[in-house]
């Protein structure tokens, strides 16, 4: 799983580290001058497909329904 939040704990999560390594790979393969919106969408879809097919990755976002400390670290699926 890739956790969609900011901070040290998220950065250390295994799924986020795999995600960042795939992003680094694609940054080397594709030129930085990729600025057209359709090209960016295509690259995002390629990265998503790679993660999902190889690892069964889900992209999760922090749950916002509770403010208790025990619930802050729970994540839910992007909708």
C-alpha atoms as a PDB file:
ATOM      1  CA  UNK A   1       0.000   0.000   0.000  1.00  0.00           C
ATOM      2  CA  UNK A   2       1.060   3.592  -0.645  1.00  0.00           C
ATOM      3  CA  UNK A   3       0.033   5.992   2.100  1.00  0.00           C
ATOM      4  CA  UNK A   4      -1.014   9.413   0.850  1.00  0.00           C
ATOM      5  CA  UNK A   5       0.102  11.767   3.586  1.00  0.00           C
ATOM      6  CA  UNK A   6       3.209  13.683   4.538  1.00  0.00           C
ATOM      7  CA  UNK A   7       5.795  13.077   7.187  1.00  0.00           C
ATOM      8  CA  UNK A   8       8.486  10.766   8.453  1.00  0.00           C
ATOM      9  CA  UNK A   9       6.336   7.730   9.240  1.00  0.00           C
ATOM     10  CA  UNK A  10       4.781   7.799   5.778  1.00  0.00           C
ATOM     11  CA  UNK A  11       8.191   8.213   4.124  1.00  0.00           C
ATOM     12  CA  UNK A  12       9.476   5.120   5.930  1.00  0.00           C
ATOM     13  CA  UNK A  13       6.506   2.944   4.968  1.00  0.00           C
ATOM     14  CA  UNK A  14       7.614   0.074   2.697  1.00  0.00           C
ATOM     15  CA  UNK A  15       4.993   0.755   0.007  1.00  0.00           C
ATOM     16  CA  UNK A  16       5.955   4.421  -0.179  1.00  0.00           C
ATOM     17  CA  UNK A  17       9.641   3.510  -0.568  1.00  0.00           C
ATOM     18  CA  UNK A  18       8.799   1.176  -3.467  1.00  0.00           C
ATOM     19  CA  UNK A  19       6.636   3.931  -4.996  1.00  0.00           C
ATOM     20  CA  UNK A  20       9.488   6.468  -4.749  1.00  0.00           C
ATOM     21  CA  UNK A  21      11.959   4.033  -6.354  1.00  0.00           C
ATOM     22  CA  UNK A  22       9.619   3.508  -9.321  1.00  0.00           C
ATOM     23  CA  UNK A  23       9.153   7.284  -9.630  1.00  0.00           C
ATOM     24  CA  UNK A  24      12.945   7.751  -9.657  1.00  0.00           C
ATOM     25  CA  UNK A  25      13.241   5.132 -12.422  1.00  0.00           C
ATOM     26  CA  UNK A  26      10.643   6.839 -14.591  1.00  0.00           C
ATOM     27  CA  UNK A  27      12.261  10.238 -13.986  1.00  0.00           C
ATOM     28  CA  UNK A  28      15.424   8.854 -15.587  1.00  0.00           C
ATOM     29  CA  UNK A  29      13.578   7.247 -18.502  1.00  0.00           C
ATOM     30  CA  UNK A  30      11.273  10.106 -19.485  1.00  0.00           C
ATOM     31  CA  UNK A  31      12.468  13.640 -20.283  1.00  0.00           C
ATOM     32  CA  UNK A  32      11.910  16.409 -17.762  1.00  0.00           C
ATOM     33  CA  UNK A  33      10.295  18.567 -20.449  1.00  0.00           C
ATOM     34  CA  UNK A  34       7.150  16.411 -20.274  1.00  0.00           C
ATOM     35  CA  UNK A  35       4.743  19.229 -19.524  1.00  0.00           C
ATOM     36  CA  UNK A  36       1.602  18.465 -21.495  1.00  0.00           C
ATOM     37  CA  UNK A  37      -1.257  17.410 -19.237  1.00  0.00           C
ATOM     38  CA  UNK A  38      -2.038  14.321 -21.318  1.00  0.00           C
ATOM     39  CA  UNK A  39       1.608  13.171 -21.078  1.00  0.00           C
ATOM     40  CA  UNK A  40       1.565  13.602 -17.303  1.00  0.00           C
ATOM     41  CA  UNK A  41      -1.675  11.625 -17.048  1.00  0.00           C
ATOM     42  CA  UNK A  42      -0.157   8.891 -19.214  1.00  0.00           C
ATOM     43  CA  UNK A  43       2.951   8.672 -17.002  1.00  0.00           C
ATOM     44  CA  UNK A  44       0.834   8.617 -13.838  1.00  0.00           C
ATOM     45  CA  UNK A  45      -1.213   5.752 -15.299  1.00  0.00           C
ATOM     46  CA  UNK A  46       1.961   3.846 -16.257  1.00  0.00           C
ATOM     47  CA  UNK A  47       3.307   4.178 -12.705  1.00  0.00           C
ATOM     48  CA  UNK A  48      -0.038   3.141 -11.217  1.00  0.00           C
ATOM     49  CA  UNK A  49      -0.291   0.116 -13.534  1.00  0.00           C
ATOM     50  CA  UNK A  50       3.273  -0.942 -12.691  1.00  0.00           C
ATOM     51  CA  UNK A  51       2.651  -0.762  -8.951  1.00  0.00           C
ATOM     52  CA  UNK A  52      -0.726  -2.466  -9.144  1.00  0.00           C
ATOM     53  CA  UNK A  53       0.348  -5.294 -11.456  1.00  0.00           C
ATOM     54  CA  UNK A  54       3.662  -6.038  -9.710  1.00  0.00           C
ATOM     55  CA  UNK A  55       2.687  -5.522  -6.086  1.00  0.00           C
ATOM     56  CA  UNK A  56      -1.111  -5.240  -5.928  1.00  0.00           C
ATOM     57  CA  UNK A  57      -0.602  -1.766  -4.526  1.00  0.00           C
ATOM     58  CA  UNK A  58      -3.485   0.280  -3.178  1.00  0.00           C
ATOM     59  CA  UNK A  59      -3.258   4.062  -2.764  1.00  0.00           C
ATOM     60  CA  UNK A  60      -4.622   5.099   0.615  1.00  0.00           C
ATOM     61  CA  UNK A  61      -5.416   8.479   2.134  1.00  0.00           C
ATOM     62  CA  UNK A  62      -5.692   9.394   5.815  1.00  0.00           C
ATOM     63  CA  UNK A  63      -9.142   8.838   7.293  1.00  0.00           C
ATOM     64  CA  UNK A  64     -10.659  12.173   8.282  1.00  0.00           C
ATOM     65  CA  UNK A  65     -13.727  11.042  10.199  1.00  0.00           C
ATOM     66  CA  UNK A  66     -12.096  10.845  13.638  1.00  0.00           C
ATOM     67  CA  UNK A  67      -9.828  13.182  15.556  1.00  0.00           C
ATOM     68  CA  UNK A  68      -8.687  10.746  18.216  1.00  0.00           C
ATOM     69  CA  UNK A  69      -4.975   9.960  18.279  1.00  0.00           C
ATOM     70  CA  UNK A  70      -5.575   6.240  17.773  1.00  0.00           C
ATOM     71  CA  UNK A  71      -7.463   6.895  14.538  1.00  0.00           C
ATOM     72  CA  UNK A  72      -5.160   9.496  12.965  1.00  0.00           C
ATOM     73  CA  UNK A  73      -2.823   6.894  11.472  1.00  0.00           C
ATOM     74  CA  UNK A  74      -5.564   4.840   9.834  1.00  0.00           C
ATOM     75  CA  UNK A  75      -5.912   5.182   6.080  1.00  0.00           C
ATOM     76  CA  UNK A  76      -8.761   4.617   3.662  1.00  0.00           C
ATOM     77  CA  UNK A  77      -8.800   4.011  -0.090  1.00  0.00           C
ATOM     78  CA  UNK A  78      -8.714   6.926  -2.519  1.00  0.00           C
ATOM     79  CA  UNK A  79     -12.179   7.237  -4.028  1.00  0.00           C
END
